[in-house]
mmCIF file of all heavy atoms, coordinates in Angstrom:
data_MODEL
# 
_entry.id   MODEL 
# 
loop_
_atom_site.group_PDB 
_atom_site.id 
_atom_site.type_symbol 
_atom_site.label_atom_id 
_atom_site.label_alt_id 
_atom_site.label_comp_id 
_atom_site.label_asym_id 
_atom_site.label_entity_id 
_atom_site.label_seq_id 
_atom_site.pdbx_PDB_ins_code 
_atom_site.Cartn_x 
_atom_site.Cartn_y 
_atom_site.Cartn_z 
_atom_site.occupancy 
_atom_site.B_iso_or_equiv 
_atom_site.pdbx_formal_charge 
_atom_site.auth_seq_id 
_atom_site.auth_comp_id 
_atom_site.auth_asym_id 
_atom_site.auth_atom_id 
_atom_site.pdbx_PDB_model_num 
ATOM 1   N N   . SER A 1 1  ? 7.860   0.036  -12.370 1.00 0.00 ? 1  SER A N   1 
ATOM 2   C CA  . SER A 1 1  ? 7.430   -0.101 -10.989 1.00 0.00 ? 1  SER A CA  1 
ATOM 3   C C   . SER A 1 1  ? 8.595   -0.598 -10.142 1.00 0.00 ? 1  SER A C   1 
ATOM 4   O O   . SER A 1 1  ? 9.712   -0.764 -10.625 1.00 0.00 ? 1  SER A O   1 
ATOM 5   C CB  . SER A 1 1  ? 6.233   -1.050 -10.881 1.00 0.00 ? 1  SER A CB  1 
ATOM 6   O OG  . SER A 1 1  ? 5.601   -0.888 -9.630  1.00 0.00 ? 1  SER A OG  1 
ATOM 7   N N   . SER A 1 2  ? 8.316   -0.835 -8.857  1.00 0.00 ? 2  SER A N   1 
ATOM 8   C CA  . SER A 1 2  ? 9.399   -1.214 -7.952  1.00 0.00 ? 2  SER A CA  1 
ATOM 9   C C   . SER A 1 2  ? 8.861   -1.970 -6.742  1.00 0.00 ? 2  SER A C   1 
ATOM 10  O O   . SER A 1 2  ? 7.651   -2.025 -6.492  1.00 0.00 ? 2  SER A O   1 
ATOM 11  C CB  . SER A 1 2  ? 10.157  0.023  -7.467  1.00 0.00 ? 2  SER A CB  1 
ATOM 12  O OG  . SER A 1 2  ? 9.374   0.760  -6.538  1.00 0.00 ? 2  SER A OG  1 
ATOM 13  N N   . HIS A 1 3  ? 9.784   -2.530 -5.983  1.00 0.00 ? 3  HIS A N   1 
ATOM 14  C CA  . HIS A 1 3  ? 9.451   -3.219 -4.733  1.00 0.00 ? 3  HIS A CA  1 
ATOM 15  C C   . HIS A 1 3  ? 8.699   -2.333 -3.749  1.00 0.00 ? 3  HIS A C   1 
ATOM 16  O O   . HIS A 1 3  ? 7.920   -2.830 -2.934  1.00 0.00 ? 3  HIS A O   1 
ATOM 17  C CB  . HIS A 1 3  ? 10.743  -3.659 -4.044  1.00 0.00 ? 3  HIS A CB  1 
ATOM 18  C CG  . HIS A 1 3  ? 11.273  -4.976 -4.516  1.00 0.00 ? 3  HIS A CG  1 
ATOM 19  N ND1 . HIS A 1 3  ? 12.466  -5.480 -4.077  1.00 0.00 ? 3  HIS A ND1 1 
ATOM 20  C CD2 . HIS A 1 3  ? 10.774  -5.902 -5.373  1.00 0.00 ? 3  HIS A CD2 1 
ATOM 21  C CE1 . HIS A 1 3  ? 12.698  -6.656 -4.640  1.00 0.00 ? 3  HIS A CE1 1 
ATOM 22  N NE2 . HIS A 1 3  ? 11.681  -6.927 -5.441  1.00 0.00 ? 3  HIS A NE2 1 
ATOM 23  N N   . TYR A 1 4  ? 8.973   -1.049 -3.779  1.00 0.00 ? 4  TYR A N   1 
ATOM 24  C CA  . TYR A 1 4  ? 8.405   -0.165 -2.768  1.00 0.00 ? 4  TYR A CA  1 
ATOM 25  C C   . TYR A 1 4  ? 6.883   -0.123 -2.810  1.00 0.00 ? 4  TYR A C   1 
ATOM 26  O O   . TYR A 1 4  ? 6.251   0.348  -1.853  1.00 0.00 ? 4  TYR A O   1 
ATOM 27  C CB  . TYR A 1 4  ? 8.975   1.247  -2.926  1.00 0.00 ? 4  TYR A CB  1 
ATOM 28  C CG  . TYR A 1 4  ? 10.429  1.327  -2.531  1.00 0.00 ? 4  TYR A CG  1 
ATOM 29  C CD1 . TYR A 1 4  ? 11.434  1.195  -3.484  1.00 0.00 ? 4  TYR A CD1 1 
ATOM 30  C CD2 . TYR A 1 4  ? 10.804  1.498  -1.208  1.00 0.00 ? 4  TYR A CD2 1 
ATOM 31  C CE1 . TYR A 1 4  ? 12.776  1.247  -3.120  1.00 0.00 ? 4  TYR A CE1 1 
ATOM 32  C CE2 . TYR A 1 4  ? 12.135  1.552  -0.833  1.00 0.00 ? 4  TYR A CE2 1 
ATOM 33  C CZ  . TYR A 1 4  ? 13.121  1.416  -1.797  1.00 0.00 ? 4  TYR A CZ  1 
ATOM 34  O OH  . TYR A 1 4  ? 14.443  1.464  -1.436  1.00 0.00 ? 4  TYR A OH  1 
ATOM 35  N N   . ARG A 1 5  ? 6.277   -0.627 -3.874  1.00 0.00 ? 5  ARG A N   1 
ATOM 36  C CA  . ARG A 1 5  ? 4.818   -0.606 -3.983  1.00 0.00 ? 5  ARG A CA  1 
ATOM 37  C C   . ARG A 1 5  ? 4.169   -1.913 -3.541  1.00 0.00 ? 5  ARG A C   1 
ATOM 38  O O   . ARG A 1 5  ? 2.944   -2.017 -3.536  1.00 0.00 ? 5  ARG A O   1 
ATOM 39  C CB  . ARG A 1 5  ? 4.418   -0.280 -5.429  1.00 0.00 ? 5  ARG A CB  1 
ATOM 40  C CG  . ARG A 1 5  ? 4.882   1.106  -5.841  1.00 0.00 ? 5  ARG A CG  1 
ATOM 41  C CD  . ARG A 1 5  ? 4.151   1.668  -7.016  1.00 0.00 ? 5  ARG A CD  1 
ATOM 42  N NE  . ARG A 1 5  ? 4.378   3.116  -7.102  1.00 0.00 ? 5  ARG A NE  1 
ATOM 43  C CZ  . ARG A 1 5  ? 3.769   3.917  -7.957  1.00 0.00 ? 5  ARG A CZ  1 
ATOM 44  N NH1 . ARG A 1 5  ? 2.897   3.424  -8.810  1.00 0.00 ? 5  ARG A NH1 1 
ATOM 45  N NH2 . ARG A 1 5  ? 4.023   5.215  -7.964  1.00 0.00 ? 5  ARG A NH2 1 
ATOM 46  N N   . ILE A 1 6  ? 4.987   -2.881 -3.140  1.00 0.00 ? 6  ILE A N   1 
ATOM 47  C CA  . ILE A 1 6  ? 4.412   -4.184 -2.770  1.00 0.00 ? 6  ILE A CA  1 
ATOM 48  C C   . ILE A 1 6  ? 3.774   -4.140 -1.394  1.00 0.00 ? 6  ILE A C   1 
ATOM 49  O O   . ILE A 1 6  ? 2.640   -4.614 -1.200  1.00 0.00 ? 6  ILE A O   1 
ATOM 50  C CB  . ILE A 1 6  ? 5.496   -5.275 -2.842  1.00 0.00 ? 6  ILE A CB  1 
ATOM 51  C CG1 . ILE A 1 6  ? 5.931   -5.490 -4.290  1.00 0.00 ? 6  ILE A CG1 1 
ATOM 52  C CG2 . ILE A 1 6  ? 4.988   -6.582 -2.233  1.00 0.00 ? 6  ILE A CG2 1 
ATOM 53  C CD1 . ILE A 1 6  ? 7.057   -6.492 -4.460  1.00 0.00 ? 6  ILE A CD1 1 
ATOM 54  N N   . PHE A 1 7  ? 4.441   -3.574 -0.397  1.00 0.00 ? 7  PHE A N   1 
ATOM 55  C CA  . PHE A 1 7  ? 3.910   -3.550 0.971   1.00 0.00 ? 7  PHE A CA  1 
ATOM 56  C C   . PHE A 1 7  ? 2.555   -2.843 1.032   1.00 0.00 ? 7  PHE A C   1 
ATOM 57  O O   . PHE A 1 7  ? 1.593   -3.389 1.611   1.00 0.00 ? 7  PHE A O   1 
ATOM 58  C CB  . PHE A 1 7  ? 4.934   -2.880 1.892   1.00 0.00 ? 7  PHE A CB  1 
ATOM 59  C CG  . PHE A 1 7  ? 4.704   -3.111 3.361   1.00 0.00 ? 7  PHE A CG  1 
ATOM 60  C CD1 . PHE A 1 7  ? 5.280   -4.192 4.008   1.00 0.00 ? 7  PHE A CD1 1 
ATOM 61  C CD2 . PHE A 1 7  ? 3.922   -2.238 4.104   1.00 0.00 ? 7  PHE A CD2 1 
ATOM 62  C CE1 . PHE A 1 7  ? 5.082   -4.397 5.363   1.00 0.00 ? 7  PHE A CE1 1 
ATOM 63  C CE2 . PHE A 1 7  ? 3.710   -2.429 5.456   1.00 0.00 ? 7  PHE A CE2 1 
ATOM 64  C CZ  . PHE A 1 7  ? 4.294   -3.522 6.098   1.00 0.00 ? 7  PHE A CZ  1 
ATOM 65  N N   . PRO A 1 8  ? 2.407   -1.634 0.460   1.00 0.00 ? 8  PRO A N   1 
ATOM 66  C CA  . PRO A 1 8  ? 1.079   -1.000 0.469   1.00 0.00 ? 8  PRO A CA  1 
ATOM 67  C C   . PRO A 1 8  ? 0.016   -1.843 -0.241  1.00 0.00 ? 8  PRO A C   1 
ATOM 68  O O   . PRO A 1 8  ? -1.154  -1.868 0.181   1.00 0.00 ? 8  PRO A O   1 
ATOM 69  C CB  . PRO A 1 8  ? 1.309   0.326  -0.269  1.00 0.00 ? 8  PRO A CB  1 
ATOM 70  C CG  . PRO A 1 8  ? 2.766   0.588  -0.168  1.00 0.00 ? 8  PRO A CG  1 
ATOM 71  C CD  . PRO A 1 8  ? 3.420   -0.752 -0.155  1.00 0.00 ? 8  PRO A CD  1 
ATOM 72  N N   . THR A 1 9  ? 0.414   -2.548 -1.289  1.00 0.00 ? 9  THR A N   1 
ATOM 73  C CA  . THR A 1 9  ? -0.535  -3.404 -2.012  1.00 0.00 ? 9  THR A CA  1 
ATOM 74  C C   . THR A 1 9  ? -1.043  -4.518 -1.121  1.00 0.00 ? 9  THR A C   1 
ATOM 75  O O   . THR A 1 9  ? -2.247  -4.827 -1.092  1.00 0.00 ? 9  THR A O   1 
ATOM 76  C CB  . THR A 1 9  ? 0.148   -3.995 -3.259  1.00 0.00 ? 9  THR A CB  1 
ATOM 77  O OG1 . THR A 1 9  ? 0.566   -2.923 -4.114  1.00 0.00 ? 9  THR A OG1 1 
ATOM 78  C CG2 . THR A 1 9  ? -0.798  -4.915 -4.026  1.00 0.00 ? 9  THR A CG2 1 
ATOM 79  N N   . LEU A 1 10 ? -0.145  -5.137 -0.362  1.00 0.00 ? 10 LEU A N   1 
ATOM 80  C CA  . LEU A 1 10 ? -0.538  -6.238 0.524   1.00 0.00 ? 10 LEU A CA  1 
ATOM 81  C C   . LEU A 1 10 ? -1.453  -5.745 1.640   1.00 0.00 ? 10 LEU A C   1 
ATOM 82  O O   . LEU A 1 10 ? -2.450  -6.400 1.979   1.00 0.00 ? 10 LEU A O   1 
ATOM 83  C CB  . LEU A 1 10 ? 0.707   -6.900 1.114   1.00 0.00 ? 10 LEU A CB  1 
ATOM 84  C CG  . LEU A 1 10 ? 1.656   -7.560 0.110   1.00 0.00 ? 10 LEU A CG  1 
ATOM 85  C CD1 . LEU A 1 10 ? 2.899   -8.087 0.820   1.00 0.00 ? 10 LEU A CD1 1 
ATOM 86  C CD2 . LEU A 1 10 ? 0.963   -8.688 -0.647  1.00 0.00 ? 10 LEU A CD2 1 
ATOM 87  N N   . LEU A 1 11 ? -1.134  -4.579 2.231   1.00 0.00 ? 11 LEU A N   1 
ATOM 88  C CA  . LEU A 1 11 ? -1.988  -4.058 3.313   1.00 0.00 ? 11 LEU A CA  1 
ATOM 89  C C   . LEU A 1 11 ? -3.387  -3.731 2.800   1.00 0.00 ? 11 LEU A C   1 
ATOM 90  O O   . LEU A 1 11 ? -4.385  -4.020 3.468   1.00 0.00 ? 11 LEU A O   1 
ATOM 91  C CB  . LEU A 1 11 ? -1.351  -2.809 3.921   1.00 0.00 ? 11 LEU A CB  1 
ATOM 92  C CG  . LEU A 1 11 ? -0.028  -2.973 4.667   1.00 0.00 ? 11 LEU A CG  1 
ATOM 93  C CD1 . LEU A 1 11 ? 0.273   -1.719 5.495   1.00 0.00 ? 11 LEU A CD1 1 
ATOM 94  C CD2 . LEU A 1 11 ? -0.034  -4.190 5.575   1.00 0.00 ? 11 LEU A CD2 1 
ATOM 95  N N   . ALA A 1 12 ? -3.472  -3.133 1.615   1.00 0.00 ? 12 ALA A N   1 
ATOM 96  C CA  . ALA A 1 12 ? -4.786  -2.829 1.049   1.00 0.00 ? 12 ALA A CA  1 
ATOM 97  C C   . ALA A 1 12 ? -5.567  -4.111 0.783   1.00 0.00 ? 12 ALA A C   1 
ATOM 98  O O   . ALA A 1 12 ? -6.791  -4.170 1.011   1.00 0.00 ? 12 ALA A O   1 
ATOM 99  C CB  . ALA A 1 12 ? -4.629  -2.020 -0.235  1.00 0.00 ? 12 ALA A CB  1 
ATOM 100 N N   . ALA A 1 13 ? -4.879  -5.157 0.334   1.00 0.00 ? 13 ALA A N   1 
ATOM 101 C CA  . ALA A 1 13 ? -5.554  -6.436 0.083   1.00 0.00 ? 13 ALA A CA  1 
ATOM 102 C C   . ALA A 1 13 ? -6.066  -7.058 1.374   1.00 0.00 ? 13 ALA A C   1 
ATOM 103 O O   . ALA A 1 13 ? -7.061  -7.796 1.367   1.00 0.00 ? 13 ALA A O   1 
ATOM 104 C CB  . ALA A 1 13 ? -4.599  -7.388 -0.631  1.00 0.00 ? 13 ALA A CB  1 
ATOM 105 N N   . MET A 1 14 ? -5.403  -6.767 2.491   1.00 0.00 ? 14 MET A N   1 
ATOM 106 C CA  . MET A 1 14 ? -5.840  -7.302 3.786   1.00 0.00 ? 14 MET A CA  1 
ATOM 107 C C   . MET A 1 14 ? -7.046  -6.557 4.348   1.00 0.00 ? 14 MET A C   1 
ATOM 108 O O   . MET A 1 14 ? -7.637  -6.986 5.345   1.00 0.00 ? 14 MET A O   1 
ATOM 109 C CB  . MET A 1 14 ? -4.693  -7.214 4.804   1.00 0.00 ? 14 MET A CB  1 
ATOM 110 C CG  . MET A 1 14 ? -3.538  -8.148 4.515   1.00 0.00 ? 14 MET A CG  1 
ATOM 111 S SD  . MET A 1 14 ? -2.163  -7.843 5.668   1.00 0.00 ? 14 MET A SD  1 
ATOM 112 C CE  . MET A 1 14 ? -0.901  -8.900 4.936   1.00 0.00 ? 14 MET A CE  1 
ATOM 113 N N   . GLY A 1 15 ? -7.409  -5.439 3.727   1.00 0.00 ? 15 GLY A N   1 
ATOM 114 C CA  . GLY A 1 15 ? -8.575  -4.696 4.174   1.00 0.00 ? 15 GLY A CA  1 
ATOM 115 C C   . GLY A 1 15 ? -8.263  -3.374 4.843   1.00 0.00 ? 15 GLY A C   1 
ATOM 116 O O   . GLY A 1 15 ? -9.184  -2.676 5.285   1.00 0.00 ? 15 GLY A O   1 
ATOM 117 N N   . TYR A 1 16 ? -6.986  -3.003 4.940   1.00 0.00 ? 16 TYR A N   1 
ATOM 118 C CA  . TYR A 1 16 ? -6.646  -1.712 5.529   1.00 0.00 ? 16 TYR A CA  1 
ATOM 119 C C   . TYR A 1 16 ? -7.017  -0.590 4.566   1.00 0.00 ? 16 TYR A C   1 
ATOM 120 O O   . TYR A 1 16 ? -6.948  -0.742 3.340   1.00 0.00 ? 16 TYR A O   1 
ATOM 121 C CB  . TYR A 1 16 ? -5.154  -1.660 5.862   1.00 0.00 ? 16 TYR A CB  1 
ATOM 122 C CG  . TYR A 1 16 ? -4.773  -2.562 7.021   1.00 0.00 ? 16 TYR A CG  1 
ATOM 123 C CD1 . TYR A 1 16 ? -4.275  -3.847 6.792   1.00 0.00 ? 16 TYR A CD1 1 
ATOM 124 C CD2 . TYR A 1 16 ? -4.931  -2.142 8.332   1.00 0.00 ? 16 TYR A CD2 1 
ATOM 125 C CE1 . TYR A 1 16 ? -3.933  -4.686 7.847   1.00 0.00 ? 16 TYR A CE1 1 
ATOM 126 C CE2 . TYR A 1 16 ? -4.602  -2.972 9.399   1.00 0.00 ? 16 TYR A CE2 1 
ATOM 127 C CZ  . TYR A 1 16 ? -4.102  -4.241 9.150   1.00 0.00 ? 16 TYR A CZ  1 
ATOM 128 O OH  . TYR A 1 16 ? -3.778  -5.065 10.195  1.00 0.00 ? 16 TYR A OH  1 
ATOM 129 N N   . ASP A 1 17 ? -7.412  0.549  5.138   1.00 0.00 ? 17 ASP A N   1 
ATOM 130 C CA  . ASP A 1 17 ? -7.862  1.686  4.346   1.00 0.00 ? 17 ASP A CA  1 
ATOM 131 C C   . ASP A 1 17 ? -6.742  2.132  3.399   1.00 0.00 ? 17 ASP A C   1 
ATOM 132 O O   . ASP A 1 17 ? -5.657  2.535  3.857   1.00 0.00 ? 17 ASP A O   1 
ATOM 133 C CB  . ASP A 1 17 ? -8.234  2.834  5.283   1.00 0.00 ? 17 ASP A CB  1 
ATOM 134 C CG  . ASP A 1 17 ? -8.706  4.076  4.537   1.00 0.00 ? 17 ASP A CG  1 
ATOM 135 O OD1 . ASP A 1 17 ? -8.899  3.996  3.301   1.00 0.00 ? 17 ASP A OD1 1 
ATOM 136 O OD2 . ASP A 1 17 ? -8.861  5.126  5.184   1.00 0.00 ? 17 ASP A OD2 1 
ATOM 137 N N   . PRO A 1 18 ? -6.962  2.096  2.090   1.00 0.00 ? 18 PRO A N   1 
ATOM 138 C CA  . PRO A 1 18 ? -5.903  2.477  1.139   1.00 0.00 ? 18 PRO A CA  1 
ATOM 139 C C   . PRO A 1 18 ? -5.362  3.882  1.364   1.00 0.00 ? 18 PRO A C   1 
ATOM 140 O O   . PRO A 1 18 ? -4.180  4.126  1.181   1.00 0.00 ? 18 PRO A O   1 
ATOM 141 C CB  . PRO A 1 18 ? -6.595  2.352  -0.220  1.00 0.00 ? 18 PRO A CB  1 
ATOM 142 C CG  . PRO A 1 18 ? -7.688  1.365  -0.004  1.00 0.00 ? 18 PRO A CG  1 
ATOM 143 C CD  . PRO A 1 18 ? -8.168  1.590  1.407   1.00 0.00 ? 18 PRO A CD  1 
ATOM 144 N N   . ARG A 1 19 ? -6.219  4.808  1.795   1.00 0.00 ? 19 ARG A N   1 
ATOM 145 C CA  . ARG A 1 19 ? -5.750  6.178  2.020   1.00 0.00 ? 19 ARG A CA  1 
ATOM 146 C C   . ARG A 1 19 ? -4.798  6.240  3.214   1.00 0.00 ? 19 ARG A C   1 
ATOM 147 O O   . ARG A 1 19 ? -3.766  6.916  3.162   1.00 0.00 ? 19 ARG A O   1 
ATOM 148 C CB  . ARG A 1 19 ? -6.928  7.123  2.221   1.00 0.00 ? 19 ARG A CB  1 
ATOM 149 C CG  . ARG A 1 19 ? -7.720  7.386  0.949   1.00 0.00 ? 19 ARG A CG  1 
ATOM 150 C CD  . ARG A 1 19 ? -8.976  8.158  1.237   1.00 0.00 ? 19 ARG A CD  1 
ATOM 151 N NE  . ARG A 1 19 ? -9.879  7.407  2.132   1.00 0.00 ? 19 ARG A NE  1 
ATOM 152 C CZ  . ARG A 1 19 ? -11.052 7.824  2.561   1.00 0.00 ? 19 ARG A CZ  1 
ATOM 153 N NH1 . ARG A 1 19 ? -11.486 9.027  2.182   1.00 0.00 ? 19 ARG A NH1 1 
ATOM 154 N NH2 . ARG A 1 19 ? -11.809 7.085  3.351   1.00 0.00 ? 19 ARG A NH2 1 
ATOM 155 N N   . ALA A 1 20 ? -5.139  5.529  4.288   1.00 0.00 ? 20 ALA A N   1 
ATOM 156 C CA  . ALA A 1 20 ? -4.256  5.510  5.457   1.00 0.00 ? 20 ALA A CA  1 
ATOM 157 C C   . ALA A 1 20 ? -2.949  4.788  5.135   1.00 0.00 ? 20 ALA A C   1 
ATOM 158 O O   . ALA A 1 20 ? -1.873  5.194  5.582   1.00 0.00 ? 20 ALA A O   1 
ATOM 159 C CB  . ALA A 1 20 ? -4.960  4.825  6.625   1.00 0.00 ? 20 ALA A CB  1 
ATOM 160 N N   . VAL A 1 21 ? -3.038  3.729  4.351   1.00 0.00 ? 21 VAL A N   1 
ATOM 161 C CA  . VAL A 1 21 ? -1.832  2.991  3.944   1.00 0.00 ? 21 VAL A CA  1 
ATOM 162 C C   . VAL A 1 21 ? -0.945  3.870  3.083   1.00 0.00 ? 21 VAL A C   1 
ATOM 163 O O   . VAL A 1 21 ? 0.281   3.932  3.270   1.00 0.00 ? 21 VAL A O   1 
ATOM 164 C CB  . VAL A 1 21 ? -2.229  1.700  3.184   1.00 0.00 ? 21 VAL A CB  1 
ATOM 165 C CG1 . VAL A 1 21 ? -0.998  1.065  2.546   1.00 0.00 ? 21 VAL A CG1 1 
ATOM 166 C CG2 . VAL A 1 21 ? -2.911  0.722  4.121   1.00 0.00 ? 21 VAL A CG2 1 
ATOM 167 N N   . ARG A 1 22 ? -1.559  4.575  2.139   1.00 0.00 ? 22 ARG A N   1 
ATOM 168 C CA  . ARG A 1 22 ? -0.791  5.426  1.235   1.00 0.00 ? 22 ARG A CA  1 
ATOM 169 C C   . ARG A 1 22 ? -0.096  6.551  2.002   1.00 0.00 ? 22 ARG A C   1 
ATOM 170 O O   . ARG A 1 22 ? 1.052   6.900  1.696   1.00 0.00 ? 22 ARG A O   1 
ATOM 171 C CB  . ARG A 1 22 ? -1.721  5.996  0.164   1.00 0.00 ? 22 ARG A CB  1 
ATOM 172 C CG  . ARG A 1 22 ? -1.009  6.795  -0.915  1.00 0.00 ? 22 ARG A CG  1 
ATOM 173 C CD  . ARG A 1 22 ? -1.891  6.991  -2.131  1.00 0.00 ? 22 ARG A CD  1 
ATOM 174 N NE  . ARG A 1 22 ? -3.189  7.565  -1.815  1.00 0.00 ? 22 ARG A NE  1 
ATOM 175 C CZ  . ARG A 1 22 ? -4.362  6.902  -1.871  1.00 0.00 ? 22 ARG A CZ  1 
ATOM 176 N NH1 . ARG A 1 22 ? -4.387  5.639  -2.260  1.00 0.00 ? 22 ARG A NH1 1 
ATOM 177 N NH2 . ARG A 1 22 ? -5.494  7.500  -1.574  1.00 0.00 ? 22 ARG A NH2 1 
ATOM 178 N N   . ALA A 1 23 ? -0.757  7.107  3.004   1.00 0.00 ? 23 ALA A N   1 
ATOM 179 C CA  . ALA A 1 23 ? -0.157  8.187  3.782   1.00 0.00 ? 23 ALA A CA  1 
ATOM 180 C C   . ALA A 1 23 ? 1.074   7.708  4.548   1.00 0.00 ? 23 ALA A C   1 
ATOM 181 O O   . ALA A 1 23 ? 2.013   8.478  4.776   1.00 0.00 ? 23 ALA A O   1 
ATOM 182 C CB  . ALA A 1 23 ? -1.193  8.761  4.757   1.00 0.00 ? 23 ALA A CB  1 
ATOM 183 N N   . ARG A 1 24 ? 1.086   6.443  4.925   1.00 0.00 ? 24 ARG A N   1 
ATOM 184 C CA  . ARG A 1 24 ? 2.187   5.921  5.740   1.00 0.00 ? 24 ARG A CA  1 
ATOM 185 C C   . ARG A 1 24 ? 3.247   5.218  4.911   1.00 0.00 ? 24 ARG A C   1 
ATOM 186 O O   . ARG A 1 24 ? 4.443   5.305  5.222   1.00 0.00 ? 24 ARG A O   1 
ATOM 187 C CB  . ARG A 1 24 ? 1.620   4.976  6.800   1.00 0.00 ? 24 ARG A CB  1 
ATOM 188 C CG  . ARG A 1 24 ? 2.611   4.527  7.837   1.00 0.00 ? 24 ARG A CG  1 
ATOM 189 C CD  . ARG A 1 24 ? 1.923   3.893  9.030   1.00 0.00 ? 24 ARG A CD  1 
ATOM 190 N NE  . ARG A 1 24 ? 1.074   4.846  9.750   1.00 0.00 ? 24 ARG A NE  1 
ATOM 191 C CZ  . ARG A 1 24 ? 0.485   4.587  10.913  1.00 0.00 ? 24 ARG A CZ  1 
ATOM 192 N NH1 . ARG A 1 24 ? 0.646   3.402  11.478  1.00 0.00 ? 24 ARG A NH1 1 
ATOM 193 N NH2 . ARG A 1 24 ? -0.265  5.498  11.499  1.00 0.00 ? 24 ARG A NH2 1 
ATOM 194 N N   . TYR A 1 25 ? 2.831   4.514  3.853   1.00 0.00 ? 25 TYR A N   1 
ATOM 195 C CA  . TYR A 1 25 ? 3.767   3.656  3.130   1.00 0.00 ? 25 TYR A CA  1 
ATOM 196 C C   . TYR A 1 25 ? 3.878   3.967  1.641   1.00 0.00 ? 25 TYR A C   1 
ATOM 197 O O   . TYR A 1 25 ? 4.662   3.307  0.950   1.00 0.00 ? 25 TYR A O   1 
ATOM 198 C CB  . TYR A 1 25 ? 3.358   2.189  3.303   1.00 0.00 ? 25 TYR A CB  1 
ATOM 199 C CG  . TYR A 1 25 ? 3.490   1.692  4.722   1.00 0.00 ? 25 TYR A CG  1 
ATOM 200 C CD1 . TYR A 1 25 ? 2.369   1.493  5.523   1.00 0.00 ? 25 TYR A CD1 1 
ATOM 201 C CD2 . TYR A 1 25 ? 4.743   1.421  5.264   1.00 0.00 ? 25 TYR A CD2 1 
ATOM 202 C CE1 . TYR A 1 25 ? 2.480   1.035  6.825   1.00 0.00 ? 25 TYR A CE1 1 
ATOM 203 C CE2 . TYR A 1 25 ? 4.873   0.952  6.565   1.00 0.00 ? 25 TYR A CE2 1 
ATOM 204 C CZ  . TYR A 1 25 ? 3.733   0.765  7.344   1.00 0.00 ? 25 TYR A CZ  1 
ATOM 205 O OH  . TYR A 1 25 ? 3.870   0.304  8.634   1.00 0.00 ? 25 TYR A OH  1 
ATOM 206 N N   . GLY A 1 26 ? 3.129   4.906  1.142   1.00 0.00 ? 26 GLY A N   1 
ATOM 207 C CA  . GLY A 1 26 ? 3.251   5.257  -0.261  1.00 0.00 ? 26 GLY A CA  1 
ATOM 208 C C   . GLY A 1 26 ? 2.258   4.529  -1.146  1.00 0.00 ? 26 GLY A C   1 
ATOM 209 O O   . GLY A 1 26 ? 1.322   3.870  -0.686  1.00 0.00 ? 26 GLY A O   1 
ATOM 210 N N   . GLU A 1 27 ? 2.487   4.655  -2.448  1.00 0.00 ? 27 GLU A N   1 
ATOM 211 C CA  . GLU A 1 27 ? 1.549   4.142  -3.447  1.00 0.00 ? 27 GLU A CA  1 
ATOM 212 C C   . GLU A 1 27 ? 1.645   2.624  -3.592  1.00 0.00 ? 27 GLU A C   1 
ATOM 213 O O   . GLU A 1 27 ? 2.706   2.020  -3.384  1.00 0.00 ? 27 GLU A O   1 
ATOM 214 C CB  . GLU A 1 27 ? 1.835   4.778  -4.805  1.00 0.00 ? 27 GLU A CB  1 
ATOM 215 C CG  . GLU A 1 27 ? 1.781   6.299  -4.825  1.00 0.00 ? 27 GLU A CG  1 
ATOM 216 C CD  . GLU A 1 27 ? 0.359   6.832  -4.726  1.00 0.00 ? 27 GLU A CD  1 
ATOM 217 O OE1 . GLU A 1 27 ? -0.579  6.043  -4.952  1.00 0.00 ? 27 GLU A OE1 1 
ATOM 218 O OE2 . GLU A 1 27 ? 0.193   8.031  -4.432  1.00 0.00 ? 27 GLU A OE2 1 
ATOM 219 N N   . GLY A 1 28 ? 0.496   2.027  -3.976  1.00 0.00 ? 28 GLY A N   1 
ATOM 220 C CA  . GLY A 1 28 ? 0.454   0.598  -4.272  1.00 0.00 ? 28 GLY A CA  1 
ATOM 221 C C   . GLY A 1 28 ? 0.673   0.341  -5.754  1.00 0.00 ? 28 GLY A C   1 
ATOM 222 O O   . GLY A 1 28 ? 0.812   1.262  -6.561  1.00 0.00 ? 28 GLY A O   1 
ATOM 223 N N   . LEU A 1 29 ? 0.662   -0.934 -6.108  1.00 0.00 ? 29 LEU A N   1 
ATOM 224 C CA  . LEU A 1 29 ? 0.901   -1.314 -7.503  1.00 0.00 ? 29 LEU A CA  1 
ATOM 225 C C   . LEU A 1 29 ? -0.224  -0.885 -8.434  1.00 0.00 ? 29 LEU A C   1 
ATOM 226 O O   . LEU A 1 29 ? -0.036  -0.831 -9.654  1.00 0.00 ? 29 LEU A O   1 
ATOM 227 C CB  . LEU A 1 29 ? 1.097   -2.834 -7.601  1.00 0.00 ? 29 LEU A CB  1 
ATOM 228 C CG  . LEU A 1 29 ? 2.423   -3.364 -7.050  1.00 0.00 ? 29 LEU A CG  1 
ATOM 229 C CD1 . LEU A 1 29 ? 2.396   -4.885 -6.971  1.00 0.00 ? 29 LEU A CD1 1 
ATOM 230 C CD2 . LEU A 1 29 ? 3.594   -2.900 -7.907  1.00 0.00 ? 29 LEU A CD2 1 
# 
């Protein structure tokens, strides 16, 4: 894995739609 998956993970944890997050920032952890 890598750092690049941390930001999407944090946004999803905050309640943002995982699909919208993934489209903009990539995959989560």
